């Protein structure tokens, strides 16, 4: 007969999994390069060299703004160049009044073979760390909840 999970055993399993996850994240974070990124409405500030001052109360606002402006903004956005190895992306929701996230993945077909990291829960004023061991290649990062453009990272060296 299959074993049944009770609320107690489920809570114990979740606690154990969280402990393992935090341990692996913190061990990856040791000796890592920290990359700080700030999200404002519809953008990441550091790669665009400015806060455009957009306002957004919901994802649809950014979808509309970026449909009009993203292509032009990406022409001048910085391509981040990093060395392979351990990195922590410290992402802050500076002033967006709803929960945001972060998604870093390989570009194109590399999406299948390069490492990726993602997560949410970035409420206004909150920062979170996303640890990853980057391999050489081209990556994109964005926020699917704040609908930012796909910004480029090149990992070389």
N, C-alpha and C. Protein backbone atom coordinates (compact mmCIF):
# COMPACT_ATOMS: atom_id res chain seq x y z
N UNK A 1 0.84 -1.18 0.00
CA UNK A 1 0.00 0.00 0.00
C UNK A 1 0.89 1.24 0.00
N UNK A 2 0.56 2.28 -0.83
CA UNK A 2 1.37 3.49 -0.87
C UNK A 2 1.36 4.20 0.48
N UNK A 3 2.49 4.83 0.77
CA UNK A 3 2.62 5.59 2.01
C UNK A 3 1.92 6.93 1.85
N UNK A 4 1.16 7.34 2.86
CA UNK A 4 0.44 8.61 2.80
C UNK A 4 1.24 9.71 3.48
N UNK A 5 1.20 10.87 2.86
CA UNK A 5 1.82 12.04 3.47
C UNK A 5 0.79 12.75 4.33
N UNK A 6 1.15 13.02 5.55
CA UNK A 6 0.32 13.85 6.41
C UNK A 6 0.85 15.27 6.33
N UNK A 7 0.11 16.19 6.92
CA UNK A 7 0.58 17.58 6.93
C UNK A 7 1.94 17.66 7.63
N UNK A 8 2.12 16.87 8.67
CA UNK A 8 3.37 16.89 9.42
C UNK A 8 4.54 16.36 8.58
N UNK A 9 4.35 15.23 7.90
CA UNK A 9 5.45 14.68 7.10
C UNK A 9 5.73 15.56 5.90
N UNK A 10 4.70 16.19 5.34
CA UNK A 10 4.90 17.09 4.23
C UNK A 10 5.71 18.30 4.68
N UNK A 11 5.35 18.87 5.83
CA UNK A 11 6.08 20.03 6.36
C UNK A 11 7.53 19.67 6.63
N UNK A 12 7.78 18.47 7.15
CA UNK A 12 9.15 18.02 7.42
C UNK A 12 9.93 17.90 6.12
N UNK A 13 9.30 17.35 5.08
CA UNK A 13 9.97 17.19 3.79
C UNK A 13 10.29 18.55 3.18
N UNK A 14 9.36 19.49 3.26
CA UNK A 14 9.58 20.83 2.70
C UNK A 14 10.71 21.52 3.46
N UNK A 15 10.73 21.40 4.78
CA UNK A 15 11.80 22.01 5.58
C UNK A 15 13.16 21.43 5.21
N UNK A 16 13.23 20.11 5.05
CA UNK A 16 14.49 19.45 4.67
C UNK A 16 14.94 19.91 3.29
N UNK A 17 14.01 19.99 2.35
CA UNK A 17 14.34 20.43 1.00
C UNK A 17 14.84 21.87 1.01
N UNK A 18 14.19 22.73 1.79
CA UNK A 18 14.63 24.13 1.88
C UNK A 18 16.03 24.22 2.46
N UNK A 19 16.32 23.40 3.45
CA UNK A 19 17.66 23.41 4.06
C UNK A 19 18.71 22.99 3.04
N UNK A 20 18.43 21.97 2.25
CA UNK A 20 19.37 21.52 1.22
C UNK A 20 19.54 22.62 0.18
N UNK A 21 18.44 23.24 -0.24
CA UNK A 21 18.50 24.30 -1.24
C UNK A 21 19.33 25.48 -0.74
N UNK A 22 19.10 25.90 0.52
CA UNK A 22 19.86 27.02 1.06
C UNK A 22 21.33 26.67 1.21
N UNK A 23 21.62 25.44 1.57
CA UNK A 23 23.02 25.03 1.71
C UNK A 23 23.71 25.07 0.36
N UNK A 24 23.07 24.54 -0.68
CA UNK A 24 23.72 24.53 -1.98
C UNK A 24 23.85 25.94 -2.54
N UNK A 25 22.86 26.80 -2.28
CA UNK A 25 22.95 28.17 -2.75
C UNK A 25 24.05 28.92 -2.01
N UNK A 26 24.13 28.74 -0.69
CA UNK A 26 25.15 29.48 0.05
C UNK A 26 26.55 28.97 -0.29
N UNK A 27 26.70 27.66 -0.53
CA UNK A 27 28.03 27.17 -0.89
C UNK A 27 28.43 27.66 -2.28
N UNK A 28 27.46 27.80 -3.18
CA UNK A 28 27.76 28.34 -4.50
C UNK A 28 28.11 29.82 -4.39
N UNK A 29 27.50 30.51 -3.44
CA UNK A 29 27.72 31.95 -3.29
C UNK A 29 29.11 32.28 -2.75
N UNK A 30 29.74 31.33 -2.04
CA UNK A 30 31.08 31.59 -1.54
C UNK A 30 32.02 31.78 -2.72
N UNK A 31 32.87 32.78 -2.64
CA UNK A 31 33.85 33.08 -3.69
C UNK A 31 33.18 33.39 -5.03
N UNK A 32 31.95 33.84 -5.01
CA UNK A 32 31.25 34.16 -6.24
C UNK A 32 31.39 35.65 -6.56
N UNK A 33 31.28 35.98 -7.83
CA UNK A 33 31.21 37.37 -8.26
C UNK A 33 29.77 37.82 -8.10
N UNK A 34 29.56 38.93 -7.41
CA UNK A 34 28.21 39.45 -7.20
C UNK A 34 27.91 40.48 -8.29
N UNK A 35 26.80 40.28 -8.97
CA UNK A 35 26.32 41.20 -10.00
C UNK A 35 25.03 41.81 -9.48
N UNK A 36 25.05 43.12 -9.24
CA UNK A 36 23.87 43.80 -8.71
C UNK A 36 23.04 44.37 -9.84
N UNK A 37 21.74 44.07 -9.78
CA UNK A 37 20.80 44.55 -10.79
C UNK A 37 19.60 45.17 -10.10
N UNK A 38 19.14 46.29 -10.65
CA UNK A 38 18.00 47.00 -10.09
C UNK A 38 16.87 47.00 -11.10
N UNK A 39 15.70 46.53 -10.65
CA UNK A 39 14.52 46.58 -11.51
C UNK A 39 13.67 47.77 -11.13
N UNK A 40 13.32 48.54 -12.14
CA UNK A 40 12.27 49.54 -12.02
C UNK A 40 11.22 49.11 -13.04
N UNK A 41 10.17 49.85 -13.17
CA UNK A 41 9.10 49.44 -14.07
C UNK A 41 9.63 49.19 -15.48
N UNK A 42 9.43 47.99 -15.97
CA UNK A 42 9.68 47.60 -17.36
C UNK A 42 11.14 47.52 -17.77
N UNK A 43 12.08 47.56 -16.83
CA UNK A 43 13.49 47.56 -17.23
C UNK A 43 14.41 47.15 -16.08
N UNK A 44 15.66 46.80 -16.46
CA UNK A 44 16.79 46.69 -15.53
C UNK A 44 17.64 47.92 -15.78
N UNK A 45 17.93 48.68 -14.74
CA UNK A 45 18.56 49.99 -14.88
C UNK A 45 20.01 49.90 -15.35
N UNK A 46 20.81 49.01 -14.76
CA UNK A 46 22.26 49.01 -15.01
C UNK A 46 22.62 48.80 -16.48
N UNK A 47 21.93 47.94 -17.18
CA UNK A 47 22.29 47.68 -18.58
C UNK A 47 21.78 48.75 -19.53
N UNK A 48 20.81 49.54 -19.08
CA UNK A 48 20.31 50.64 -19.92
C UNK A 48 20.93 51.97 -19.53
N UNK A 49 21.76 52.00 -18.49
CA UNK A 49 22.45 53.21 -18.04
C UNK A 49 21.54 54.32 -17.56
N UNK A 50 20.27 54.04 -17.39
CA UNK A 50 19.36 55.05 -16.86
C UNK A 50 18.04 54.41 -16.47
N UNK A 51 17.35 55.09 -15.58
CA UNK A 51 15.98 54.71 -15.24
C UNK A 51 15.08 55.59 -16.10
N UNK A 52 14.31 54.96 -16.97
CA UNK A 52 13.46 55.72 -17.89
C UNK A 52 12.26 56.36 -17.21
N UNK A 53 12.00 55.99 -15.95
CA UNK A 53 10.89 56.60 -15.23
C UNK A 53 9.52 56.08 -15.62
N UNK A 54 9.47 54.89 -16.22
CA UNK A 54 8.18 54.31 -16.56
C UNK A 54 7.39 54.02 -15.29
N UNK A 55 6.07 54.03 -15.40
CA UNK A 55 5.23 53.62 -14.27
C UNK A 55 4.39 52.44 -14.70
N UNK A 56 4.18 51.54 -13.76
CA UNK A 56 3.44 50.32 -14.05
C UNK A 56 2.71 49.86 -12.80
N UNK A 57 1.46 49.48 -12.97
CA UNK A 57 0.71 48.89 -11.86
C UNK A 57 0.39 47.42 -12.12
N UNK A 58 0.73 46.97 -13.36
CA UNK A 58 0.47 45.57 -13.72
C UNK A 58 1.33 45.20 -14.93
N UNK A 59 1.49 43.91 -15.14
CA UNK A 59 2.33 43.39 -16.22
C UNK A 59 1.95 43.98 -17.58
N UNK A 60 0.66 44.13 -17.84
CA UNK A 60 0.20 44.64 -19.14
C UNK A 60 0.75 46.03 -19.44
N UNK A 61 0.97 46.84 -18.40
CA UNK A 61 1.55 48.18 -18.63
C UNK A 61 2.92 48.05 -19.28
N UNK A 62 3.76 47.15 -18.74
CA UNK A 62 5.11 46.96 -19.30
C UNK A 62 5.07 46.31 -20.67
N UNK A 63 4.13 45.41 -20.88
CA UNK A 63 4.01 44.81 -22.22
C UNK A 63 3.76 45.90 -23.25
N UNK A 64 2.90 46.85 -22.94
CA UNK A 64 2.59 47.94 -23.87
C UNK A 64 3.79 48.87 -24.05
N UNK A 65 4.44 49.24 -22.95
CA UNK A 65 5.60 50.14 -23.02
C UNK A 65 6.72 49.49 -23.84
N UNK A 66 7.02 48.24 -23.55
CA UNK A 66 8.12 47.58 -24.24
C UNK A 66 7.80 47.23 -25.69
N UNK A 67 6.54 47.07 -26.01
CA UNK A 67 6.17 46.85 -27.41
C UNK A 67 6.56 48.08 -28.25
N UNK A 68 6.50 49.26 -27.63
CA UNK A 68 6.83 50.50 -28.32
C UNK A 68 8.31 50.88 -28.24
N UNK A 69 8.98 50.53 -27.13
CA UNK A 69 10.31 51.10 -26.87
C UNK A 69 11.46 50.10 -26.77
N UNK A 70 11.18 48.83 -26.56
CA UNK A 70 12.26 47.86 -26.25
C UNK A 70 13.30 47.74 -27.37
N UNK A 71 12.87 47.64 -28.61
CA UNK A 71 13.83 47.46 -29.71
C UNK A 71 14.84 48.61 -29.76
N UNK A 72 14.36 49.81 -29.63
CA UNK A 72 15.25 50.98 -29.68
C UNK A 72 16.17 51.01 -28.46
N UNK A 73 15.64 50.69 -27.29
CA UNK A 73 16.45 50.69 -26.06
C UNK A 73 17.51 49.61 -26.10
N UNK A 74 17.20 48.45 -26.67
CA UNK A 74 18.17 47.35 -26.73
C UNK A 74 19.35 47.68 -27.65
N UNK A 75 19.16 48.58 -28.60
CA UNK A 75 20.26 48.98 -29.48
C UNK A 75 21.40 49.63 -28.70
N UNK A 76 21.09 50.29 -27.59
CA UNK A 76 22.12 50.97 -26.81
C UNK A 76 22.38 50.30 -25.45
N UNK A 77 21.63 49.24 -25.14
CA UNK A 77 21.84 48.56 -23.86
C UNK A 77 23.20 47.87 -23.85
N UNK A 78 23.83 47.86 -22.69
CA UNK A 78 25.13 47.20 -22.53
C UNK A 78 24.96 45.69 -22.63
N UNK A 79 25.92 45.05 -23.27
CA UNK A 79 26.03 43.60 -23.21
C UNK A 79 26.98 43.32 -22.06
N UNK A 80 26.49 42.64 -21.05
CA UNK A 80 27.31 42.33 -19.89
C UNK A 80 28.29 41.22 -20.27
N UNK A 81 29.58 41.38 -19.94
CA UNK A 81 30.58 40.35 -20.21
C UNK A 81 31.12 39.86 -18.88
N UNK A 82 31.03 38.55 -18.66
CA UNK A 82 31.47 37.94 -17.41
C UNK A 82 32.39 36.77 -17.70
N UNK A 83 33.17 36.39 -16.70
CA UNK A 83 34.03 35.21 -16.80
C UNK A 83 33.23 33.99 -16.34
N UNK A 84 33.58 32.81 -16.84
CA UNK A 84 32.91 31.60 -16.35
C UNK A 84 33.14 31.43 -14.85
N UNK A 85 32.22 30.77 -14.20
CA UNK A 85 32.38 30.48 -12.78
C UNK A 85 31.17 30.89 -11.97
N UNK A 86 31.38 30.95 -10.66
CA UNK A 86 30.30 31.22 -9.71
C UNK A 86 29.92 32.69 -9.71
N UNK A 87 28.63 32.94 -9.83
CA UNK A 87 28.09 34.29 -9.80
C UNK A 87 26.83 34.31 -8.94
N UNK A 88 26.61 35.43 -8.30
CA UNK A 88 25.36 35.68 -7.60
C UNK A 88 24.77 36.94 -8.21
N UNK A 89 23.58 36.81 -8.74
CA UNK A 89 22.86 37.97 -9.27
C UNK A 89 21.96 38.47 -8.15
N UNK A 90 22.31 39.65 -7.63
CA UNK A 90 21.56 40.28 -6.54
C UNK A 90 20.59 41.26 -7.20
N UNK A 91 19.32 40.89 -7.19
CA UNK A 91 18.31 41.64 -7.93
C UNK A 91 17.39 42.35 -6.94
N UNK A 92 17.17 43.64 -7.19
CA UNK A 92 16.32 44.45 -6.30
C UNK A 92 15.13 45.01 -7.07
N UNK A 93 13.97 44.91 -6.45
CA UNK A 93 12.78 45.60 -6.94
C UNK A 93 12.77 46.97 -6.27
N UNK A 94 13.21 47.97 -7.01
CA UNK A 94 13.37 49.31 -6.43
C UNK A 94 12.03 49.95 -6.10
N UNK A 95 11.10 49.94 -7.07
CA UNK A 95 9.88 50.71 -6.85
C UNK A 95 8.64 50.19 -7.58
N UNK A 96 8.67 48.96 -8.04
CA UNK A 96 7.51 48.42 -8.76
C UNK A 96 6.53 47.86 -7.72
N UNK A 97 5.25 48.29 -7.77
CA UNK A 97 4.31 47.96 -6.69
C UNK A 97 3.69 46.56 -6.77
N UNK A 98 4.33 45.63 -7.46
CA UNK A 98 3.85 44.25 -7.50
C UNK A 98 5.06 43.32 -7.56
N UNK A 99 4.84 42.05 -7.30
CA UNK A 99 5.93 41.08 -7.23
C UNK A 99 6.62 40.86 -8.57
N UNK A 100 7.95 40.82 -8.51
CA UNK A 100 8.76 40.62 -9.71
C UNK A 100 9.56 39.34 -9.59
N UNK A 101 10.29 39.01 -10.65
CA UNK A 101 11.15 37.83 -10.65
C UNK A 101 12.41 38.08 -11.46
N UNK A 102 13.14 37.00 -11.67
CA UNK A 102 14.39 37.06 -12.43
C UNK A 102 14.53 35.74 -13.16
N UNK A 103 14.92 35.79 -14.45
CA UNK A 103 15.09 34.59 -15.25
C UNK A 103 16.32 34.75 -16.12
N UNK A 104 17.35 33.93 -15.86
CA UNK A 104 18.59 33.93 -16.64
C UNK A 104 18.70 32.56 -17.29
N UNK A 105 18.90 32.55 -18.61
CA UNK A 105 18.97 31.29 -19.36
C UNK A 105 19.85 31.46 -20.58
N UNK A 106 20.28 30.31 -21.14
CA UNK A 106 21.06 30.33 -22.36
C UNK A 106 20.26 30.89 -23.51
N UNK A 107 20.95 31.54 -24.45
CA UNK A 107 20.29 32.12 -25.62
C UNK A 107 20.11 31.06 -26.70
N UNK A 108 19.00 31.11 -27.41
CA UNK A 108 18.75 30.20 -28.53
C UNK A 108 18.81 28.74 -28.13
N UNK A 109 19.46 27.94 -28.97
CA UNK A 109 19.57 26.50 -28.73
C UNK A 109 20.36 26.23 -27.45
N UNK A 110 21.24 27.15 -27.07
CA UNK A 110 22.02 27.00 -25.84
C UNK A 110 21.13 26.91 -24.61
N UNK A 111 19.89 27.31 -24.74
CA UNK A 111 18.95 27.23 -23.62
C UNK A 111 18.86 25.80 -23.11
N UNK A 112 19.09 24.84 -24.00
CA UNK A 112 18.99 23.43 -23.63
C UNK A 112 20.22 22.92 -22.89
N UNK A 113 21.37 23.55 -23.07
CA UNK A 113 22.61 23.01 -22.51
C UNK A 113 23.26 23.89 -21.46
N UNK A 114 22.99 25.18 -21.46
CA UNK A 114 23.62 26.08 -20.49
C UNK A 114 22.78 26.12 -19.20
N UNK A 115 23.44 26.42 -18.08
CA UNK A 115 22.70 26.49 -16.82
C UNK A 115 21.71 27.65 -16.84
N UNK A 116 20.72 27.56 -15.95
CA UNK A 116 19.75 28.65 -15.83
C UNK A 116 19.37 28.80 -14.36
N UNK A 117 18.82 29.95 -14.05
CA UNK A 117 18.33 30.22 -12.70
C UNK A 117 17.13 31.15 -12.82
N UNK A 118 16.15 30.94 -11.96
CA UNK A 118 14.97 31.81 -11.98
C UNK A 118 14.30 31.79 -10.61
N UNK A 119 13.46 32.77 -10.40
CA UNK A 119 12.70 32.83 -9.17
C UNK A 119 11.89 34.10 -9.11
N UNK A 120 10.99 34.15 -8.15
CA UNK A 120 10.12 35.30 -7.99
C UNK A 120 10.17 35.81 -6.56
N UNK A 121 9.08 36.44 -6.15
CA UNK A 121 8.97 36.92 -4.78
C UNK A 121 9.66 38.23 -4.49
N UNK A 122 9.98 38.97 -5.54
CA UNK A 122 10.66 40.27 -5.35
C UNK A 122 9.61 41.36 -5.19
N UNK A 123 9.15 41.54 -3.97
CA UNK A 123 8.19 42.62 -3.70
C UNK A 123 8.92 43.95 -3.67
N UNK A 124 8.19 45.03 -3.72
CA UNK A 124 8.78 46.38 -3.74
C UNK A 124 9.75 46.55 -2.57
N UNK A 125 10.97 47.00 -2.88
CA UNK A 125 12.00 47.24 -1.88
C UNK A 125 12.81 46.02 -1.48
N UNK A 126 12.48 44.86 -2.00
CA UNK A 126 13.14 43.60 -1.63
C UNK A 126 14.24 43.26 -2.63
N UNK A 127 15.35 42.71 -2.11
CA UNK A 127 16.43 42.17 -2.94
C UNK A 127 16.52 40.67 -2.70
N UNK A 128 16.86 39.93 -3.74
CA UNK A 128 17.09 38.49 -3.62
C UNK A 128 18.34 38.12 -4.40
N UNK A 129 19.00 37.06 -3.95
CA UNK A 129 20.19 36.55 -4.61
C UNK A 129 19.83 35.31 -5.41
N UNK A 130 20.37 35.24 -6.63
CA UNK A 130 20.20 34.08 -7.51
C UNK A 130 21.59 33.58 -7.88
N UNK A 131 21.97 32.43 -7.33
CA UNK A 131 23.31 31.89 -7.52
C UNK A 131 23.33 30.94 -8.72
N UNK A 132 24.41 31.02 -9.50
CA UNK A 132 24.55 30.18 -10.69
C UNK A 132 26.03 30.02 -11.02
N UNK A 133 26.39 28.88 -11.55
CA UNK A 133 27.75 28.63 -12.02
C UNK A 133 27.72 28.72 -13.55
N UNK A 134 28.17 29.86 -14.08
CA UNK A 134 28.06 30.12 -15.51
C UNK A 134 29.16 29.42 -16.31
N UNK A 135 28.77 28.85 -17.42
CA UNK A 135 29.70 28.26 -18.39
C UNK A 135 29.83 29.23 -19.56
N UNK A 136 30.89 29.11 -20.36
CA UNK A 136 31.01 29.99 -21.53
C UNK A 136 29.80 29.88 -22.45
N UNK A 137 29.38 31.03 -22.96
CA UNK A 137 28.24 31.06 -23.88
C UNK A 137 27.52 32.39 -23.80
N UNK A 138 26.40 32.47 -24.50
CA UNK A 138 25.57 33.66 -24.51
C UNK A 138 24.28 33.37 -23.75
N UNK A 139 23.92 34.29 -22.88
CA UNK A 139 22.74 34.15 -22.04
C UNK A 139 21.84 35.37 -22.22
N UNK A 140 20.58 35.20 -21.85
CA UNK A 140 19.63 36.31 -21.73
C UNK A 140 19.15 36.36 -20.29
N UNK A 141 18.84 37.57 -19.83
CA UNK A 141 18.13 37.68 -18.56
C UNK A 141 17.00 38.68 -18.71
N UNK A 142 15.97 38.46 -17.93
CA UNK A 142 14.78 39.31 -18.00
C UNK A 142 13.93 39.07 -16.76
N UNK A 143 12.85 39.80 -16.69
CA UNK A 143 11.82 39.56 -15.69
C UNK A 143 10.52 39.29 -16.43
N UNK A 144 10.01 38.07 -16.37
CA UNK A 144 8.75 37.78 -17.05
C UNK A 144 7.53 38.40 -16.36
N UNK A 145 7.66 38.80 -15.10
CA UNK A 145 6.52 39.37 -14.37
C UNK A 145 6.44 40.89 -14.51
N UNK A 146 7.54 41.52 -14.87
CA UNK A 146 7.65 42.96 -15.09
C UNK A 146 7.85 43.22 -16.58
N UNK A 147 7.82 42.16 -17.34
CA UNK A 147 8.01 42.16 -18.78
C UNK A 147 9.08 43.13 -19.24
N UNK A 148 10.33 42.78 -18.93
CA UNK A 148 11.46 43.56 -19.41
C UNK A 148 11.92 42.98 -20.74
N UNK A 149 12.74 43.72 -21.49
CA UNK A 149 13.37 43.12 -22.67
C UNK A 149 14.31 41.98 -22.23
N UNK A 150 14.76 41.19 -23.18
CA UNK A 150 15.77 40.16 -22.95
C UNK A 150 17.14 40.84 -23.11
N UNK A 151 17.85 41.00 -21.99
CA UNK A 151 19.19 41.60 -22.01
C UNK A 151 20.22 40.49 -22.18
N UNK A 152 21.38 40.82 -22.78
CA UNK A 152 22.39 39.82 -23.13
C UNK A 152 23.56 39.81 -22.17
N UNK A 153 24.01 38.59 -21.87
CA UNK A 153 25.26 38.37 -21.11
C UNK A 153 26.12 37.45 -21.94
N UNK A 154 27.38 37.83 -22.13
CA UNK A 154 28.37 36.96 -22.78
C UNK A 154 29.31 36.46 -21.70
N UNK A 155 29.50 35.15 -21.63
CA UNK A 155 30.42 34.54 -20.67
C UNK A 155 31.59 34.01 -21.49
N UNK A 156 32.78 34.61 -21.25
CA UNK A 156 33.97 34.29 -22.03
C UNK A 156 35.19 34.19 -21.10
N UNK A 157 36.17 33.44 -21.57
CA UNK A 157 37.43 33.46 -20.85
C UNK A 157 37.87 32.12 -20.33
